C-alpha atoms as a PDB file:
ATOM      1  CA  UNK A   1     -52.928  -1.927   7.087  1.00  0.00           C
ATOM      2  CA  UNK A   2     -49.209  -2.520   7.686  1.00  0.00           C
ATOM      3  CA  UNK A   3     -49.274  -5.697   5.577  1.00  0.00           C
ATOM      4  CA  UNK A   4     -51.044  -3.803   2.777  1.00  0.00           C
ATOM      5  CA  UNK A   5     -48.290  -1.141   2.793  1.00  0.00           C
ATOM      6  CA  UNK A   6     -45.646  -3.858   2.606  1.00  0.00           C
ATOM      7  CA  UNK A   7     -47.480  -5.487  -0.324  1.00  0.00           C
ATOM      8  CA  UNK A   8     -47.598  -2.207  -2.243  1.00  0.00           C
ATOM      9  CA  UNK A   9     -43.875  -1.704  -1.611  1.00  0.00           C
ATOM     10  CA  UNK A  10     -43.120  -5.178  -2.998  1.00  0.00           C
ATOM     11  CA  UNK A  11     -45.298  -4.556  -6.041  1.00  0.00           C
ATOM     12  CA  UNK A  12     -43.560  -1.229  -6.709  1.00  0.00           C
ATOM     13  CA  UNK A  13     -40.110  -2.784  -6.517  1.00  0.00           C
ATOM     14  CA  UNK A  14     -41.182  -5.673  -8.729  1.00  0.00           C
ATOM     15  CA  UNK A  15     -42.461  -3.262 -11.386  1.00  0.00           C
ATOM     16  CA  UNK A  16     -39.278  -1.197 -11.264  1.00  0.00           C
ATOM     17  CA  UNK A  17     -36.408  -2.311 -13.433  1.00  0.00           C
ATOM     18  CA  UNK A  18     -33.418  -3.287 -11.365  1.00  0.00           C
ATOM     19  CA  UNK A  19     -31.466  -4.564 -14.346  1.00  0.00           C
ATOM     20  CA  UNK A  20     -27.963  -3.105 -14.387  1.00  0.00           C
ATOM     21  CA  UNK A  21     -25.679  -2.174 -17.261  1.00  0.00           C
ATOM     22  CA  UNK A  22     -22.422  -3.740 -16.162  1.00  0.00           C
ATOM     23  CA  UNK A  23     -18.916  -3.620 -17.564  1.00  0.00           C
ATOM     24  CA  UNK A  24     -18.422  -6.616 -19.820  1.00  0.00           C
ATOM     25  CA  UNK A  25     -14.978  -6.246 -21.384  1.00  0.00           C
ATOM     26  CA  UNK A  26     -12.591  -4.171 -23.464  1.00  0.00           C
ATOM     27  CA  UNK A  27      -9.918  -4.316 -26.110  1.00  0.00           C
ATOM     28  CA  UNK A  28      -7.348  -2.001 -27.637  1.00  0.00           C
ATOM     29  CA  UNK A  29      -4.418   0.186 -26.673  1.00  0.00           C
ATOM     30  CA  UNK A  30      -2.529   3.118 -28.177  1.00  0.00           C
ATOM     31  CA  UNK A  31      -0.553   2.350 -31.309  1.00  0.00           C
ATOM     32  CA  UNK A  32      -0.425   1.394 -34.972  1.00  0.00           C
ATOM     33  CA  UNK A  33      -0.527  -2.372 -34.626  1.00  0.00           C
ATOM     34  CA  UNK A  34      -3.410  -4.710 -35.312  1.00  0.00           C
ATOM     35  CA  UNK A  35      -6.051  -4.151 -32.656  1.00  0.00           C
ATOM     36  CA  UNK A  36      -4.498  -0.901 -31.495  1.00  0.00           C
ATOM     37  CA  UNK A  37      -6.081   2.523 -31.967  1.00  0.00           C
ATOM     38  CA  UNK A  38      -5.422   6.225 -32.272  1.00  0.00           C
ATOM     39  CA  UNK A  39      -8.649   8.025 -31.293  1.00  0.00           C
ATOM     40  CA  UNK A  40     -11.306   5.473 -32.298  1.00  0.00           C
ATOM     41  CA  UNK A  41     -14.591   7.141 -33.140  1.00  0.00           C
ATOM     42  CA  UNK A  42     -17.489   5.327 -34.855  1.00  0.00           C
ATOM     43  CA  UNK A  43     -18.614   1.759 -34.141  1.00  0.00           C
ATOM     44  CA  UNK A  44     -20.933  -0.516 -36.102  1.00  0.00           C
ATOM     45  CA  UNK A  45     -22.105  -4.092 -35.717  1.00  0.00           C
ATOM     46  CA  UNK A  46     -22.717  -6.448 -38.627  1.00  0.00           C
ATOM     47  CA  UNK A  47     -25.505  -9.033 -38.665  1.00  0.00           C
ATOM     48  CA  UNK A  48     -22.941 -11.751 -37.862  1.00  0.00           C
ATOM     49  CA  UNK A  49     -21.882  -9.860 -34.716  1.00  0.00           C
ATOM     50  CA  UNK A  50     -18.581  -8.539 -36.032  1.00  0.00           C
ATOM     51  CA  UNK A  51     -17.669  -5.081 -34.733  1.00  0.00           C
ATOM     52  CA  UNK A  52     -16.295  -2.404 -37.087  1.00  0.00           C
ATOM     53  CA  UNK A  53     -14.355   0.541 -35.637  1.00  0.00           C
ATOM     54  CA  UNK A  54     -13.322   3.783 -37.346  1.00  0.00           C
ATOM     55  CA  UNK A  55      -9.699   4.119 -36.190  1.00  0.00           C
ATOM     56  CA  UNK A  56      -9.628   7.842 -36.846  1.00  0.00           C
ATOM     57  CA  UNK A  57      -6.013   8.989 -36.666  1.00  0.00           C
ATOM     58  CA  UNK A  58      -4.671   5.721 -38.021  1.00  0.00           C
ATOM     59  CA  UNK A  59      -6.866   6.368 -41.087  1.00  0.00           C
ATOM     60  CA  UNK A  60      -8.293   2.880 -41.251  1.00  0.00           C
ATOM     61  CA  UNK A  61     -11.205   0.640 -40.389  1.00  0.00           C
ATOM     62  CA  UNK A  62     -10.557  -2.351 -38.157  1.00  0.00           C
ATOM     63  CA  UNK A  63     -12.993  -5.151 -37.429  1.00  0.00           C
ATOM     64  CA  UNK A  64     -13.251  -7.693 -34.652  1.00  0.00           C
ATOM     65  CA  UNK A  65     -15.342 -10.502 -33.246  1.00  0.00           C
ATOM     66  CA  UNK A  66     -18.008  -9.582 -30.716  1.00  0.00           C
ATOM     67  CA  UNK A  67     -15.495 -10.286 -27.934  1.00  0.00           C
ATOM     68  CA  UNK A  68     -12.774  -8.155 -29.519  1.00  0.00           C
ATOM     69  CA  UNK A  69     -10.564 -10.666 -31.330  1.00  0.00           C
ATOM     70  CA  UNK A  70      -8.880  -8.969 -34.291  1.00  0.00           C
ATOM     71  CA  UNK A  71     -10.138 -10.019 -37.742  1.00  0.00           C
ATOM     72  CA  UNK A  72      -8.859  -7.514 -40.275  1.00  0.00           C
ATOM     73  CA  UNK A  73      -8.357  -3.928 -41.414  1.00  0.00           C
ATOM     74  CA  UNK A  74      -8.199  -1.652 -44.436  1.00  0.00           C
ATOM     75  CA  UNK A  75      -7.290   1.912 -45.270  1.00  0.00           C
ATOM     76  CA  UNK A  76      -4.370   4.316 -45.175  1.00  0.00           C
ATOM     77  CA  UNK A  77      -3.897   8.081 -45.311  1.00  0.00           C
ATOM     78  CA  UNK A  78      -4.752   9.705 -48.641  1.00  0.00           C
ATOM     79  CA  UNK A  79      -7.423  10.753 -51.101  1.00  0.00           C
ATOM     80  CA  UNK A  80      -7.502   7.659 -53.310  1.00  0.00           C
ATOM     81  CA  UNK A  81     -10.197   5.014 -53.368  1.00  0.00           C
ATOM     82  CA  UNK A  82     -10.107   3.144 -50.070  1.00  0.00           C
ATOM     83  CA  UNK A  83      -7.905   5.749 -48.426  1.00  0.00           C
ATOM     84  CA  UNK A  84      -9.032   8.099 -45.641  1.00  0.00           C
ATOM     85  CA  UNK A  85      -8.370  11.429 -44.032  1.00  0.00           C
ATOM     86  CA  UNK A  86      -9.782  10.855 -40.540  1.00  0.00           C
ATOM     87  CA  UNK A  87     -12.681   8.404 -40.902  1.00  0.00           C
ATOM     88  CA  UNK A  88     -15.324   9.216 -38.301  1.00  0.00           C
ATOM     89  CA  UNK A  89     -18.564   7.299 -38.743  1.00  0.00           C
ATOM     90  CA  UNK A  90     -19.202   3.718 -39.815  1.00  0.00           C
ATOM     91  CA  UNK A  91     -22.307   1.607 -40.328  1.00  0.00           C
ATOM     92  CA  UNK A  92     -23.099  -1.761 -41.884  1.00  0.00           C
ATOM     93  CA  UNK A  93     -25.965  -2.401 -44.300  1.00  0.00           C
ATOM     94  CA  UNK A  94     -28.127  -5.522 -44.151  1.00  0.00           C
ATOM     95  CA  UNK A  95     -26.163  -6.954 -47.096  1.00  0.00           C
ATOM     96  CA  UNK A  96     -22.890  -6.517 -45.202  1.00  0.00           C
ATOM     97  CA  UNK A  97     -21.597  -3.455 -47.057  1.00  0.00           C
ATOM     98  CA  UNK A  98     -19.729  -1.019 -44.827  1.00  0.00           C
ATOM     99  CA  UNK A  99     -20.294   2.746 -45.132  1.00  0.00           C
ATOM    100  CA  UNK A 100     -17.696   5.208 -43.820  1.00  0.00           C
ATOM    101  CA  UNK A 101     -17.737   8.998 -43.459  1.00  0.00           C
ATOM    102  CA  UNK A 102     -14.346  10.151 -44.724  1.00  0.00           C
ATOM    103  CA  UNK A 103     -14.334  13.308 -42.590  1.00  0.00           C
ATOM    104  CA  UNK A 104     -11.605  15.549 -44.013  1.00  0.00           C
ATOM    105  CA  UNK A 105     -12.026  14.231 -47.558  1.00  0.00           C
ATOM    106  CA  UNK A 106     -15.688  15.352 -47.438  1.00  0.00           C
ATOM    107  CA  UNK A 107     -17.045  12.157 -48.902  1.00  0.00           C
ATOM    108  CA  UNK A 108     -18.673   8.820 -48.173  1.00  0.00           C
ATOM    109  CA  UNK A 109     -17.005   5.562 -49.160  1.00  0.00           C
ATOM    110  CA  UNK A 110     -18.461   2.077 -49.020  1.00  0.00           C
ATOM    111  CA  UNK A 111     -16.889  -1.363 -49.047  1.00  0.00           C
ATOM    112  CA  UNK A 112     -17.540  -5.060 -48.816  1.00  0.00           C
ATOM    113  CA  UNK A 113     -17.489  -6.585 -45.344  1.00  0.00           C
ATOM    114  CA  UNK A 114     -13.804  -7.426 -45.830  1.00  0.00           C
ATOM    115  CA  UNK A 115     -12.872  -3.933 -47.048  1.00  0.00           C
ATOM    116  CA  UNK A 116     -12.886  -4.164 -50.847  1.00  0.00           C
ATOM    117  CA  UNK A 117     -13.726  -0.738 -52.287  1.00  0.00           C
ATOM    118  CA  UNK A 118     -17.181  -0.504 -53.892  1.00  0.00           C
ATOM    119  CA  UNK A 119     -17.918   3.172 -54.407  1.00  0.00           C
ATOM    120  CA  UNK A 120     -17.935   6.737 -53.118  1.00  0.00           C
ATOM    121  CA  UNK A 121     -19.757  10.039 -53.384  1.00  0.00           C
ATOM    122  CA  UNK A 122     -19.431  13.607 -52.183  1.00  0.00           C
ATOM    123  CA  UNK A 123     -17.136  16.616 -52.418  1.00  0.00           C
ATOM    124  CA  UNK A 124     -16.447  19.721 -50.374  1.00  0.00           C
ATOM    125  CA  UNK A 125     -19.301  22.235 -50.427  1.00  0.00           C
ATOM    126  CA  UNK A 126     -22.827  23.044 -49.292  1.00  0.00           C
ATOM    127  CA  UNK A 127     -24.800  21.861 -52.303  1.00  0.00           C
ATOM    128  CA  UNK A 128     -26.931  18.745 -52.477  1.00  0.00           C
ATOM    129  CA  UNK A 129     -24.675  15.724 -52.051  1.00  0.00           C
ATOM    130  CA  UNK A 130     -21.731  17.850 -50.945  1.00  0.00           C
ATOM    131  CA  UNK A 131     -20.311  17.846 -47.431  1.00  0.00           C
ATOM    132  CA  UNK A 132     -18.483  19.922 -44.864  1.00  0.00           C
ATOM    133  CA  UNK A 133     -16.700  17.479 -42.559  1.00  0.00           C
ATOM    134  CA  UNK A 134     -19.371  14.763 -42.295  1.00  0.00           C
ATOM    135  CA  UNK A 135     -19.236  12.647 -39.159  1.00  0.00           C
ATOM    136  CA  UNK A 136     -22.138  10.298 -38.437  1.00  0.00           C
ATOM    137  CA  UNK A 137     -23.687   7.702 -40.749  1.00  0.00           C
ATOM    138  CA  UNK A 138     -26.608   5.346 -40.234  1.00  0.00           C
ATOM    139  CA  UNK A 139     -28.547   3.012 -42.500  1.00  0.00           C
ATOM    140  CA  UNK A 140     -32.293   3.427 -42.221  1.00  0.00           C
ATOM    141  CA  UNK A 141     -34.787   0.549 -42.236  1.00  0.00           C
ATOM    142  CA  UNK A 142     -35.703   1.829 -45.717  1.00  0.00           C
ATOM    143  CA  UNK A 143     -32.143   1.083 -46.868  1.00  0.00           C
ATOM    144  CA  UNK A 144     -31.274   4.754 -47.278  1.00  0.00           C
ATOM    145  CA  UNK A 145     -27.978   6.183 -46.026  1.00  0.00           C
ATOM    146  CA  UNK A 146     -28.308   9.101 -43.593  1.00  0.00           C
ATOM    147  CA  UNK A 147     -25.333  11.387 -42.997  1.00  0.00           C
ATOM    148  CA  UNK A 148     -24.684  13.941 -40.251  1.00  0.00           C
ATOM    149  CA  UNK A 149     -23.217  16.718 -42.418  1.00  0.00           C
ATOM    150  CA  UNK A 150     -21.601  18.344 -39.402  1.00  0.00           C
ATOM    151  CA  UNK A 151     -20.075  21.545 -40.784  1.00  0.00           C
ATOM    152  CA  UNK A 152     -23.172  22.275 -42.880  1.00  0.00           C
ATOM    153  CA  UNK A 153     -25.447  21.769 -39.832  1.00  0.00           C
ATOM    154  CA  UNK A 154     -27.790  19.409 -41.601  1.00  0.00           C
ATOM    155  CA  UNK A 155     -28.682  15.800 -42.303  1.00  0.00           C
ATOM    156  CA  UNK A 156     -28.593  14.488 -45.856  1.00  0.00           C
ATOM    157  CA  UNK A 157     -29.858  11.129 -47.058  1.00  0.00           C
ATOM    158  CA  UNK A 158     -29.131   9.022 -50.121  1.00  0.00           C
ATOM    159  CA  UNK A 159     -29.783   5.731 -51.825  1.00  0.00           C
ATOM    160  CA  UNK A 160     -27.398   2.905 -51.018  1.00  0.00           C
ATOM    161  CA  UNK A 161     -25.355   3.860 -54.116  1.00  0.00           C
ATOM    162  CA  UNK A 162     -25.184   7.547 -53.170  1.00  0.00           C
ATOM    163  CA  UNK A 163     -27.951   9.233 -55.171  1.00  0.00           C
ATOM    164  CA  UNK A 164     -29.184  12.315 -53.306  1.00  0.00           C
ATOM    165  CA  UNK A 165     -32.723  12.029 -51.892  1.00  0.00           C
ATOM    166  CA  UNK A 166     -33.212  14.843 -49.409  1.00  0.00           C
ATOM    167  CA  UNK A 167     -31.923  16.968 -46.554  1.00  0.00           C
ATOM    168  CA  UNK A 168     -33.009  18.974 -43.534  1.00  0.00           C
ATOM    169  CA  UNK A 169     -31.521  21.357 -40.983  1.00  0.00           C
ATOM    170  CA  UNK A 170     -29.664  24.665 -40.820  1.00  0.00           C
ATOM    171  CA  UNK A 171     -27.401  26.474 -38.366  1.00  0.00           C
ATOM    172  CA  UNK A 172     -29.056  27.620 -35.139  1.00  0.00           C
ATOM    173  CA  UNK A 173     -30.663  26.613 -31.873  1.00  0.00           C
ATOM    174  CA  UNK A 174     -34.340  26.614 -32.877  1.00  0.00           C
ATOM    175  CA  UNK A 175     -36.363  23.433 -33.326  1.00  0.00           C
ATOM    176  CA  UNK A 176     -34.962  21.453 -36.242  1.00  0.00           C
ATOM    177  CA  UNK A 177     -31.747  23.460 -36.414  1.00  0.00           C
ATOM    178  CA  UNK A 178     -28.282  22.232 -35.454  1.00  0.00           C
ATOM    179  CA  UNK A 179     -24.961  23.363 -34.106  1.00  0.00           C
ATOM    180  CA  UNK A 180     -22.638  20.578 -35.174  1.00  0.00           C
ATOM    181  CA  UNK A 181     -24.680  17.359 -35.559  1.00  0.00           C
ATOM    182  CA  UNK A 182     -22.315  14.453 -35.007  1.00  0.00           C
ATOM    183  CA  UNK A 183     -24.229  11.175 -34.955  1.00  0.00           C
ATOM    184  CA  UNK A 184     -27.625   9.680 -35.729  1.00  0.00           C
ATOM    185  CA  UNK A 185     -29.585   6.497 -35.112  1.00  0.00           C
ATOM    186  CA  UNK A 186     -33.025   5.109 -35.921  1.00  0.00           C
ATOM    187  CA  UNK A 187     -35.335   3.368 -33.520  1.00  0.00           C
ATOM    188  CA  UNK A 188     -36.213  -0.213 -34.390  1.00  0.00           C
ATOM    189  CA  UNK A 189     -39.528   0.718 -35.993  1.00  0.00           C
ATOM    190  CA  UNK A 190     -37.897   3.312 -38.232  1.00  0.00           C
ATOM    191  CA  UNK A 191     -40.404   5.900 -37.039  1.00  0.00           C
ATOM    192  CA  UNK A 192     -37.799   8.265 -35.562  1.00  0.00           C
ATOM    193  CA  UNK A 193     -34.211   9.188 -36.316  1.00  0.00           C
ATOM    194  CA  UNK A 194     -32.328  10.677 -33.359  1.00  0.00           C
ATOM    195  CA  UNK A 195     -29.544  13.216 -33.982  1.00  0.00           C
ATOM    196  CA  UNK A 196     -26.895  14.379 -31.507  1.00  0.00           C
ATOM    197  CA  UNK A 197     -26.940  18.182 -31.674  1.00  0.00           C
ATOM    198  CA  UNK A 198     -23.424  18.446 -30.257  1.00  0.00           C
ATOM    199  CA  UNK A 199     -22.894  22.115 -29.420  1.00  0.00           C
ATOM    200  CA  UNK A 200     -26.552  22.720 -28.554  1.00  0.00           C
ATOM    201  CA  UNK A 201     -26.219  19.959 -25.920  1.00  0.00           C
ATOM    202  CA  UNK A 202     -29.412  18.188 -26.905  1.00  0.00           C
ATOM    203  CA  UNK A 203     -30.891  15.336 -28.891  1.00  0.00           C
ATOM    204  CA  UNK A 204     -33.374  16.126 -31.642  1.00  0.00           C
ATOM    205  CA  UNK A 205     -35.549  13.576 -33.380  1.00  0.00           C
ATOM    206  CA  UNK A 206     -37.381  13.516 -36.696  1.00  0.00           C
ATOM    207  CA  UNK A 207     -39.310  11.185 -38.935  1.00  0.00           C
ATOM    208  CA  UNK A 208     -37.420   9.497 -41.771  1.00  0.00           C
ATOM    209  CA  UNK A 209     -38.111  12.414 -44.130  1.00  0.00           C
ATOM    210  CA  UNK A 210     -36.825  15.003 -41.658  1.00  0.00           C
ATOM    211  CA  UNK A 211     -40.013  16.356 -40.131  1.00  0.00           C
ATOM    212  CA  UNK A 212     -39.206  17.629 -36.648  1.00  0.00           C
ATOM    213  CA  UNK A 213     -40.789  15.592 -33.837  1.00  0.00           C
ATOM    214  CA  UNK A 214     -39.113  16.749 -30.623  1.00  0.00           C
ATOM    215  CA  UNK A 215     -35.966  17.251 -28.575  1.00  0.00           C
ATOM    216  CA  UNK A 216     -34.585  16.620 -25.108  1.00  0.00           C
ATOM    217  CA  UNK A 217     -31.553  17.701 -23.103  1.00  0.00           C
ATOM    218  CA  UNK A 218     -29.822  20.927 -22.117  1.00  0.00           C
ATOM    219  CA  UNK A 219     -26.285  21.977 -21.109  1.00  0.00           C
ATOM    220  CA  UNK A 220     -25.030  20.621 -17.794  1.00  0.00           C
ATOM    221  CA  UNK A 221     -23.701  17.662 -15.864  1.00  0.00           C
ATOM    222  CA  UNK A 222     -26.839  16.562 -14.034  1.00  0.00           C
ATOM    223  CA  UNK A 223     -29.189  13.764 -14.971  1.00  0.00           C
ATOM    224  CA  UNK A 224     -30.610  14.328 -18.438  1.00  0.00           C
ATOM    225  CA  UNK A 225     -28.257  17.189 -19.275  1.00  0.00           C
ATOM    226  CA  UNK A 226     -25.271  17.007 -21.597  1.00  0.00           C
ATOM    227  CA  UNK A 227     -21.839  18.403 -22.232  1.00  0.00           C
ATOM    228  CA  UNK A 228     -21.260  17.668 -25.923  1.00  0.00           C
ATOM    229  CA  UNK A 229     -23.336  14.594 -26.783  1.00  0.00           C
ATOM    230  CA  UNK A 230     -21.214  12.833 -29.399  1.00  0.00           C
ATOM    231  CA  UNK A 231     -22.728   9.417 -30.084  1.00  0.00           C
ATOM    232  CA  UNK A 232     -26.097   7.712 -29.922  1.00  0.00           C
ATOM    233  CA  UNK A 233     -27.573   4.225 -30.097  1.00  0.00           C
ATOM    234  CA  UNK A 234     -31.171   3.036 -29.773  1.00  0.00           C
ATOM    235  CA  UNK A 235     -32.131  -0.349 -28.336  1.00  0.00           C
ATOM    236  CA  UNK A 236     -34.941  -2.498 -29.794  1.00  0.00           C
ATOM    237  CA  UNK A 237     -36.945  -1.603 -26.674  1.00  0.00           C
ATOM    238  CA  UNK A 238     -36.815   2.074 -27.630  1.00  0.00           C
ATOM    239  CA  UNK A 239     -34.290   3.001 -24.947  1.00  0.00           C
ATOM    240  CA  UNK A 240     -31.980   5.784 -26.165  1.00  0.00           C
ATOM    241  CA  UNK A 241     -28.299   5.702 -25.178  1.00  0.00           C
ATOM    242  CA  UNK A 242     -26.367   8.969 -25.478  1.00  0.00           C
ATOM    243  CA  UNK A 243     -22.571   9.255 -25.244  1.00  0.00           C
ATOM    244  CA  UNK A 244     -22.124  12.374 -23.091  1.00  0.00           C
ATOM    245  CA  UNK A 245     -18.574  13.092 -24.202  1.00  0.00           C
ATOM    246  CA  UNK A 246     -17.272  15.826 -21.890  1.00  0.00           C
ATOM    247  CA  UNK A 247     -19.103  14.360 -18.900  1.00  0.00           C
ATOM    248  CA  UNK A 248     -17.286  11.066 -19.606  1.00  0.00           C
ATOM    249  CA  UNK A 249     -20.415   8.942 -19.329  1.00  0.00           C
ATOM    250  CA  UNK A 250     -23.302   7.296 -21.163  1.00  0.00           C
ATOM    251  CA  UNK A 251     -26.847   8.292 -20.230  1.00  0.00           C
ATOM    252  CA  UNK A 252     -29.969   6.426 -21.237  1.00  0.00           C
ATOM    253  CA  UNK A 253     -33.604   7.348 -21.610  1.00  0.00           C
ATOM    254  CA  UNK A 254     -36.832   5.545 -22.351  1.00  0.00           C
ATOM    255  CA  UNK A 255     -38.696   5.965 -25.634  1.00  0.00           C
ATOM    256  CA  UNK A 256     -40.519   8.979 -24.178  1.00  0.00           C
ATOM    257  CA  UNK A 257     -37.102  10.607 -23.525  1.00  0.00           C
ATOM    258  CA  UNK A 258     -37.400  10.279 -19.732  1.00  0.00           C
ATOM    259  CA  UNK A 259     -34.050   9.834 -17.964  1.00  0.00           C
ATOM    260  CA  UNK A 260     -33.509   6.283 -16.711  1.00  0.00           C
ATOM    261  CA  UNK A 261     -29.838   5.932 -15.783  1.00  0.00           C
ATOM    262  CA  UNK A 262     -26.176   6.315 -16.648  1.00  0.00           C
ATOM    263  CA  UNK A 263     -22.792   4.641 -16.430  1.00  0.00           C
ATOM    264  CA  UNK A 264     -19.209   5.841 -16.604  1.00  0.00           C
ATOM    265  CA  UNK A 265     -16.973   8.448 -15.020  1.00  0.00           C
ATOM    266  CA  UNK A 266     -13.597  10.005 -15.937  1.00  0.00           C
ATOM    267  CA  UNK A 267     -10.660   7.635 -15.799  1.00  0.00           C
ATOM    268  CA  UNK A 268      -8.732   4.778 -17.346  1.00  0.00           C
ATOM    269  CA  UNK A 269     -10.126   1.878 -15.333  1.00  0.00           C
ATOM    270  CA  UNK A 270     -12.709  -0.652 -16.386  1.00  0.00           C
ATOM    271  CA  UNK A 271     -16.017   1.097 -16.985  1.00  0.00           C
ATOM    272  CA  UNK A 272     -14.384   4.540 -16.979  1.00  0.00           C
ATOM    273  CA  UNK A 273     -14.020   6.858 -19.978  1.00  0.00           C
ATOM    274  CA  UNK A 274     -11.855   9.602 -21.402  1.00  0.00           C
ATOM    275  CA  UNK A 275     -13.889  11.510 -23.990  1.00  0.00           C
ATOM    276  CA  UNK A 276     -15.999   8.647 -25.335  1.00  0.00           C
ATOM    277  CA  UNK A 277     -17.401   9.127 -28.847  1.00  0.00           C
ATOM    278  CA  UNK A 278     -19.256   6.388 -30.705  1.00  0.00           C
ATOM    279  CA  UNK A 279     -21.827   3.866 -29.545  1.00  0.00           C
ATOM    280  CA  UNK A 280     -23.579   0.861 -31.063  1.00  0.00           C
ATOM    281  CA  UNK A 281     -26.168  -1.534 -29.682  1.00  0.00           C
ATOM    282  CA  UNK A 282     -26.474  -5.197 -30.597  1.00  0.00           C
ATOM    283  CA  UNK A 283     -29.606  -6.269 -32.429  1.00  0.00           C
ATOM    284  CA  UNK A 284     -30.874  -8.079 -29.340  1.00  0.00           C
ATOM    285  CA  UNK A 285     -30.375  -4.955 -27.250  1.00  0.00           C
ATOM    286  CA  UNK A 286     -28.456  -6.517 -24.365  1.00  0.00           C
ATOM    287  CA  UNK A 287     -24.950  -5.246 -25.164  1.00  0.00           C
ATOM    288  CA  UNK A 288     -23.645  -1.797 -26.052  1.00  0.00           C
ATOM    289  CA  UNK A 289     -20.175  -0.980 -27.404  1.00  0.00           C
ATOM    290  CA  UNK A 290     -18.532   2.386 -26.687  1.00  0.00           C
ATOM    291  CA  UNK A 291     -15.527   3.948 -28.446  1.00  0.00           C
ATOM    292  CA  UNK A 292     -13.469   5.191 -25.490  1.00  0.00           C
ATOM    293  CA  UNK A 293     -11.585   7.615 -27.671  1.00  0.00           C
ATOM    294  CA  UNK A 294      -8.822   9.118 -25.537  1.00  0.00           C
ATOM    295  CA  UNK A 295      -8.174   5.759 -23.893  1.00  0.00           C
ATOM    296  CA  UNK A 296      -7.694   4.235 -27.371  1.00  0.00           C
ATOM    297  CA  UNK A 297      -9.952   1.288 -26.716  1.00  0.00           C
ATOM    298  CA  UNK A 298     -13.415  -0.157 -27.085  1.00  0.00           C
ATOM    299  CA  UNK A 299     -15.430  -1.089 -24.017  1.00  0.00           C
ATOM    300  CA  UNK A 300     -18.687  -2.994 -23.885  1.00  0.00           C
ATOM    301  CA  UNK A 301     -21.415  -3.196 -21.286  1.00  0.00           C
ATOM    302  CA  UNK A 302     -24.092  -5.833 -20.823  1.00  0.00           C
ATOM    303  CA  UNK A 303     -27.573  -5.696 -19.396  1.00  0.00           C
ATOM    304  CA  UNK A 304     -27.444  -8.226 -16.560  1.00  0.00           C
ATOM    305  CA  UNK A 305     -31.169  -8.995 -16.866  1.00  0.00           C
ATOM    306  CA  UNK A 306     -32.352  -8.582 -20.470  1.00  0.00           C
ATOM    307  CA  UNK A 307     -35.756 -10.013 -19.619  1.00  0.00           C
ATOM    308  CA  UNK A 308     -36.412  -7.137 -17.239  1.00  0.00           C
ATOM    309  CA  UNK A 309     -34.982  -4.215 -19.166  1.00  0.00           C
ATOM    310  CA  UNK A 310     -37.617  -3.989 -21.944  1.00  0.00           C
ATOM    311  CA  UNK A 311     -40.489  -3.626 -19.466  1.00  0.00           C
ATOM    312  CA  UNK A 312     -38.816  -0.967 -17.345  1.00  0.00           C
ATOM    313  CA  UNK A 313     -41.314   1.298 -15.670  1.00  0.00           C
ATOM    314  CA  UNK A 314     -39.037   2.884 -13.124  1.00  0.00           C
ATOM    315  CA  UNK A 315     -35.478   3.140 -12.012  1.00  0.00           C
ATOM    316  CA  UNK A 316     -32.507   1.479 -13.628  1.00  0.00           C
ATOM    317  CA  UNK A 317     -29.271   1.291 -11.725  1.00  0.00           C
ATOM    318  CA  UNK A 318     -25.839   1.010 -13.322  1.00  0.00           C
ATOM    319  CA  UNK A 319     -23.022  -0.778 -11.538  1.00  0.00           C
ATOM    320  CA  UNK A 320     -19.564  -2.168 -12.269  1.00  0.00           C
ATOM    321  CA  UNK A 321     -18.325  -5.595 -11.338  1.00  0.00           C
END
């Protein structure tokens, strides 16, 4: 009987995921120079692995190799084409075009992968195709552009060239309502879009046309609770990573929204955060980049056993090395 108990213990541990999300590296510091930041916010990854960062208060987009080597930049303060007034969100289409939410200019701009201006849409207001301080942007598997229209408490979506297609959401705390949506991300199948409902301290999810499907989270600092969820990324496995801004951490959940682990704590050291904002997952799902906003840097974390992580049935521990 003792040997049988030991066998069951071994089988349980083998079926539990002991893969760890470990600190992998960082880049950036405070300033105006190449590779420096002033409150970085959104992050996006191109198909070639290049990392695009919305350098919010420097009013520019910078891009880097996957390891953080500086490649280029564009943008300056203003209202002209290619200029910004606090860019917040960024995402990259399958053809390499880069979409940016131009927060205080209440518009969306898009560019080539090297920053050449291609087009724009939007104006201040609450009508279709208008915005009130838009923050998050994500490209759906259908090629449509989804925008977290933060001040209007809704999501709007468009064709790749900016033609209005639809919207959902209103101010409130009921199912399908928002209080400051800030970011959004699709799962790999395109069946759900997850939205960070910032001031309601929860994540809501919908189908691609905006039909409400569910929510998880509540205010707090315990496991599975949030204090201003600001960013979100979804792995190919369905795991959901939420940037829990005022708790200075990242929490992650399985596809059924069950809590599975977390990493980060307040501070300036490796693996620590000061008001993190944006998040983006690599296509393979083994690395996640985080915009560590008040520390003016980008940090990335790697799954130390990618072969184990997708089949997780139990606990996941997070460590630093």
